[in-house]
Amino acid sequence: MHEIKKLIDIRIYITIIAYAIIFYYLGYSVYTLDQTSIYDENGILENIQVLTLTFSCLIFLLPTIIQKREDKIILLFFSLLSLSFILRELDVEKLNVSDILIFVGSGIGRNIIITTGFIVLISYAIFNRQYYKKLSKKFIISVEGFLIILAAILLLSGDYFEHNTLLHHHVFLEEIFELSGYVLILLVSLILYKNKLYLKVYNKQTQSKLES
């Protein structure tokens, strides 16, 4: 177990270093080399965003399958949230895929699937609302909660730059702020993979129900 935790720590450090290099490369390419294609629709920047979110989605999901966790709902919530961001960034209708995948990944089909997923999760949490209310409070004041709040601020900042056309490379700034938020979400997924969220006081029947 100690070796697994050590490996996760190493992965967090490697992730931070890797994205620092990516940010430097993107900034240098745009502001020094004037390669505006970097932030084109379905360009390299958007592809990095989608790849980052895909890793987040899977890392949040994996512990709910292979581990006994009392914080399953929180992990599934952020896995579904990552998926919704993926479908937001990915122009599925422009890809060479089947009509079914286009329906599922865009427009009304996407909205129905994502909304249904969140309704199911919220409905399940309501049955254990006292537990998840306390667990959510614990999450909000944790390091992971702080990173998620910071990620939300970065994503909202990206929306500001999208509409601020007076700034040079304003679309790049929008996309880079969004990527920064997605990277923080990825870091949270890595941290939660290692560290379980749980409350010290709850009965065995509740624990068994939550882990199932």
Protein backbone atom coordinates (compact mmCIF):
# COMPACT_ATOMS: atom_id res chain seq x y z
CA MET A 1 0.00 0.00 0.00
CA HIS A 2 2.87 2.36 0.83
CA GLU A 3 4.37 1.71 -2.61
CA ILE A 4 1.04 2.51 -4.31
CA LYS A 5 0.77 5.82 -2.41
CA LYS A 6 4.35 6.66 -3.32
CA LEU A 7 3.60 5.91 -6.97
CA ILE A 8 0.55 8.19 -6.91
CA ASP A 9 2.65 11.00 -5.38
CA ILE A 10 5.19 10.58 -8.16
CA ARG A 11 2.41 10.72 -10.75
CA ILE A 12 1.15 14.01 -9.27
CA TYR A 13 4.62 15.55 -9.48
CA ILE A 14 5.13 14.25 -13.02
CA THR A 15 1.71 15.65 -14.02
CA ILE A 16 2.57 19.11 -12.67
CA ILE A 17 5.95 19.14 -14.44
CA ALA A 18 4.47 17.83 -17.70
CA TYR A 19 1.77 20.49 -17.81
CA ALA A 20 4.25 23.23 -16.88
CA ILE A 21 6.22 22.24 -19.98
CA ILE A 22 3.02 22.14 -22.06
CA PHE A 23 1.99 25.62 -20.88
CA TYR A 24 5.43 26.99 -21.72
CA TYR A 25 5.31 25.41 -25.19
CA LEU A 26 1.82 26.76 -25.90
CA GLY A 27 2.65 30.27 -24.68
CA TYR A 28 5.92 30.39 -26.62
CA SER A 29 4.22 29.12 -29.79
CA VAL A 30 1.47 31.73 -29.65
CA TYR A 31 3.21 34.85 -28.34
CA THR A 32 6.69 34.34 -29.81
CA LEU A 33 6.09 32.34 -32.98
CA ASP A 34 2.56 33.71 -33.55
CA GLN A 35 1.17 30.24 -34.30
CA THR A 36 -2.51 31.05 -33.87
CA SER A 37 -3.48 27.61 -35.18
CA ILE A 38 -2.61 26.37 -31.67
CA TYR A 39 -6.03 27.53 -30.43
CA ASP A 40 -8.10 26.78 -33.54
CA GLU A 41 -11.27 24.73 -33.19
CA ASN A 42 -10.22 21.09 -32.73
CA GLY A 43 -6.60 22.30 -32.66
CA ILE A 44 -3.79 21.10 -30.41
CA LEU A 45 -4.96 23.11 -27.38
CA GLU A 46 -8.50 21.75 -27.48
CA ASN A 47 -7.14 18.23 -27.99
CA ILE A 48 -4.97 18.61 -24.89
CA GLN A 49 -8.06 19.76 -22.98
CA VAL A 50 -10.05 16.72 -24.09
CA LEU A 51 -7.17 14.36 -23.25
CA THR A 52 -6.81 15.95 -19.79
CA LEU A 53 -10.53 15.59 -19.11
CA THR A 54 -10.53 11.99 -20.35
CA PHE A 55 -7.81 11.09 -17.85
CA SER A 56 -9.77 12.86 -15.10
CA CYS A 57 -13.00 11.07 -16.00
CA LEU A 58 -11.35 7.64 -15.92
CA ILE A 59 -9.29 8.26 -12.76
CA PHE A 60 -12.39 9.43 -10.87
CA LEU A 61 -14.32 6.40 -12.13
CA LEU A 62 -11.71 3.70 -11.53
CA PRO A 63 -11.78 3.66 -7.69
CA THR A 64 -15.56 3.20 -7.71
CA ILE A 65 -14.99 -0.06 -9.61
CA ILE A 66 -11.87 -1.56 -8.03
CA GLN A 67 -12.03 -0.14 -4.48
CA LYS A 68 -14.50 -0.14 -1.63
CA ARG A 69 -15.24 3.55 -1.21
CA GLU A 70 -17.62 5.51 1.00
CA ASP A 71 -17.19 8.55 -1.27
CA LYS A 72 -18.44 6.86 -4.45
CA ILE A 73 -21.05 9.47 -5.21
CA ILE A 74 -18.51 12.30 -5.10
CA LEU A 75 -16.14 10.39 -7.38
CA LEU A 76 -18.95 9.55 -9.82
CA PHE A 77 -20.15 13.16 -9.73
CA PHE A 78 -16.77 14.47 -10.84
CA SER A 79 -16.34 11.67 -13.37
CA LEU A 80 -19.68 12.66 -14.93
CA LEU A 81 -18.74 16.34 -14.71
CA SER A 82 -15.50 15.59 -16.58
CA LEU A 83 -17.49 13.72 -19.22
CA SER A 84 -19.82 16.70 -19.64
CA PHE A 85 -16.79 18.96 -20.18
CA ILE A 86 -15.39 16.50 -22.73
CA LEU A 87 -18.63 16.60 -24.74
CA ARG A 88 -18.64 20.40 -24.43
CA GLU A 89 -15.12 20.71 -25.82
CA LEU A 90 -15.49 17.99 -28.44
CA ASP A 91 -17.44 18.86 -31.58
CA VAL A 92 -18.80 15.36 -32.07
CA GLU A 93 -21.06 16.43 -34.94
CA LYS A 94 -17.96 17.41 -36.93
CA LEU A 95 -16.25 14.05 -36.46
CA ASN A 96 -16.49 11.14 -38.88
CA VAL A 97 -18.59 8.95 -36.57
CA SER A 98 -21.97 7.23 -36.69
CA ASP A 99 -25.23 9.13 -36.30
CA ILE A 100 -25.84 7.39 -32.95
CA LEU A 101 -22.58 8.72 -31.50
CA ILE A 102 -23.36 12.18 -32.86
CA PHE A 103 -26.78 12.08 -31.17
CA VAL A 104 -25.32 10.82 -27.87
CA GLY A 105 -22.40 13.26 -27.87
CA SER A 106 -24.08 16.47 -28.95
CA GLY A 107 -27.21 18.59 -28.66
CA ILE A 108 -30.33 17.15 -27.08
CA GLY A 109 -28.93 13.63 -26.77
CA ARG A 110 -25.91 14.85 -24.81
CA ASN A 111 -28.06 17.02 -22.56
CA ILE A 112 -30.45 14.15 -21.81
CA ILE A 113 -27.65 11.71 -20.91
CA ILE A 114 -25.71 14.14 -18.71
CA THR A 115 -28.84 15.45 -16.98
CA THR A 116 -30.11 11.90 -16.36
CA GLY A 117 -26.74 10.93 -14.90
CA PHE A 118 -26.75 13.82 -12.44
CA ILE A 119 -30.39 13.15 -11.48
CA VAL A 120 -29.55 9.50 -10.70
CA LEU A 121 -26.56 10.49 -8.56
CA ILE A 122 -28.50 13.18 -6.68
CA SER A 123 -31.43 10.80 -6.13
CA TYR A 124 -29.08 8.17 -4.67
CA ALA A 125 -27.43 10.76 -2.43
CA ILE A 126 -30.83 11.86 -1.09
CA PHE A 127 -31.32 8.41 0.48
CA ASN A 128 -28.16 9.07 2.53
CA ARG A 129 -28.49 12.84 2.60
CA GLN A 130 -27.21 13.31 6.16
CA TYR A 131 -24.03 11.40 5.38
CA TYR A 132 -23.37 13.08 2.03
CA LYS A 133 -24.23 16.51 3.45
CA LYS A 134 -21.49 16.09 6.05
CA LEU A 135 -19.11 14.50 3.54
CA SER A 136 -19.67 17.36 1.07
CA LYS A 137 -18.85 19.90 3.79
CA LYS A 138 -15.68 17.98 4.60
CA PHE A 139 -14.75 17.95 0.91
CA ILE A 140 -15.32 21.69 0.46
CA ILE A 141 -12.87 22.59 3.27
CA SER A 142 -10.27 20.07 2.10
CA VAL A 143 -7.33 20.67 -0.25
CA GLU A 144 -9.27 18.88 -2.99
CA GLY A 145 -12.25 21.15 -2.43
CA PHE A 146 -10.04 24.23 -2.61
CA LEU A 147 -8.58 23.01 -5.93
CA ILE A 148 -12.06 22.42 -7.35
CA ILE A 149 -13.17 25.93 -6.32
CA LEU A 150 -10.00 27.34 -7.91
CA ALA A 151 -10.72 25.31 -11.06
CA ALA A 152 -14.22 26.80 -11.21
CA ILE A 153 -12.78 30.32 -10.93
CA LEU A 154 -10.34 29.60 -13.78
CA LEU A 155 -13.14 28.24 -15.97
CA LEU A 156 -15.26 31.33 -15.33
CA SER A 157 -12.23 33.52 -16.10
CA GLY A 158 -11.90 31.71 -19.41
CA ASP A 159 -15.45 32.70 -20.26
CA TYR A 160 -14.55 36.35 -19.56
CA PHE A 161 -11.60 36.25 -21.99
CA GLU A 162 -13.76 34.61 -24.67
CA HIS A 163 -15.84 37.78 -24.92
CA ASN A 164 -13.02 40.28 -24.38
CA THR A 165 -12.10 40.78 -28.05
CA LEU A 166 -9.93 43.81 -27.30
CA LEU A 167 -7.20 41.57 -25.92
CA HIS A 168 -4.60 40.12 -28.30
CA HIS A 169 -5.03 36.32 -28.60
CA HIS A 170 -8.12 36.50 -26.36
CA VAL A 171 -9.26 33.05 -27.56
CA PHE A 172 -5.91 31.60 -26.51
CA LEU A 173 -6.33 33.13 -23.05
CA GLU A 174 -9.82 31.65 -22.83
CA GLU A 175 -8.57 28.19 -23.75
CA ILE A 176 -5.48 28.36 -21.52
CA PHE A 177 -7.55 29.37 -18.49
CA GLU A 178 -9.91 26.48 -19.20
CA LEU A 179 -7.00 24.07 -19.53
CA SER A 180 -5.65 25.34 -16.20
CA GLY A 181 -9.00 24.50 -14.60
CA TYR A 182 -9.04 21.05 -16.18
CA VAL A 183 -5.50 20.37 -14.94
CA LEU A 184 -6.60 21.16 -11.38
CA ILE A 185 -9.52 18.74 -11.81
CA LEU A 186 -7.03 16.10 -12.98
CA LEU A 187 -4.87 16.72 -9.89
CA VAL A 188 -7.95 16.30 -7.68
CA SER A 189 -8.70 12.96 -9.37
CA LEU A 190 -5.16 11.77 -8.64
CA ILE A 191 -5.36 12.92 -5.02
CA LEU A 192 -8.76 11.29 -4.43
CA TYR A 193 -7.56 8.08 -6.06
CA LYS A 194 -5.05 7.89 -3.22
CA ASN A 195 -6.98 9.54 -0.37
CA LYS A 196 -10.48 8.38 0.50
CA LEU A 197 -13.02 10.87 1.79
CA TYR A 198 -14.89 9.45 4.75
CA LEU A 199 -16.53 10.37 8.05
CA LYS A 200 -15.29 8.83 11.26
CA VAL A 201 -18.76 8.34 12.71
CA TYR A 202 -21.41 6.35 10.90
CA ASN A 203 -22.97 2.95 11.49
CA LYS A 204 -21.90 -0.31 9.86
CA GLN A 205 -25.17 -0.63 7.96
CA THR A 206 -24.59 2.76 6.30
CA GLN A 207 -20.98 1.86 5.53
CA SER A 208 -22.02 -1.40 3.87
CA LYS A 209 -24.67 0.41 1.81
CA LEU A 210 -22.25 3.12 0.69
CA GLU A 211 -19.52 0.67 -0.32
CA SER A 212 -21.89 -1.55 -2.36
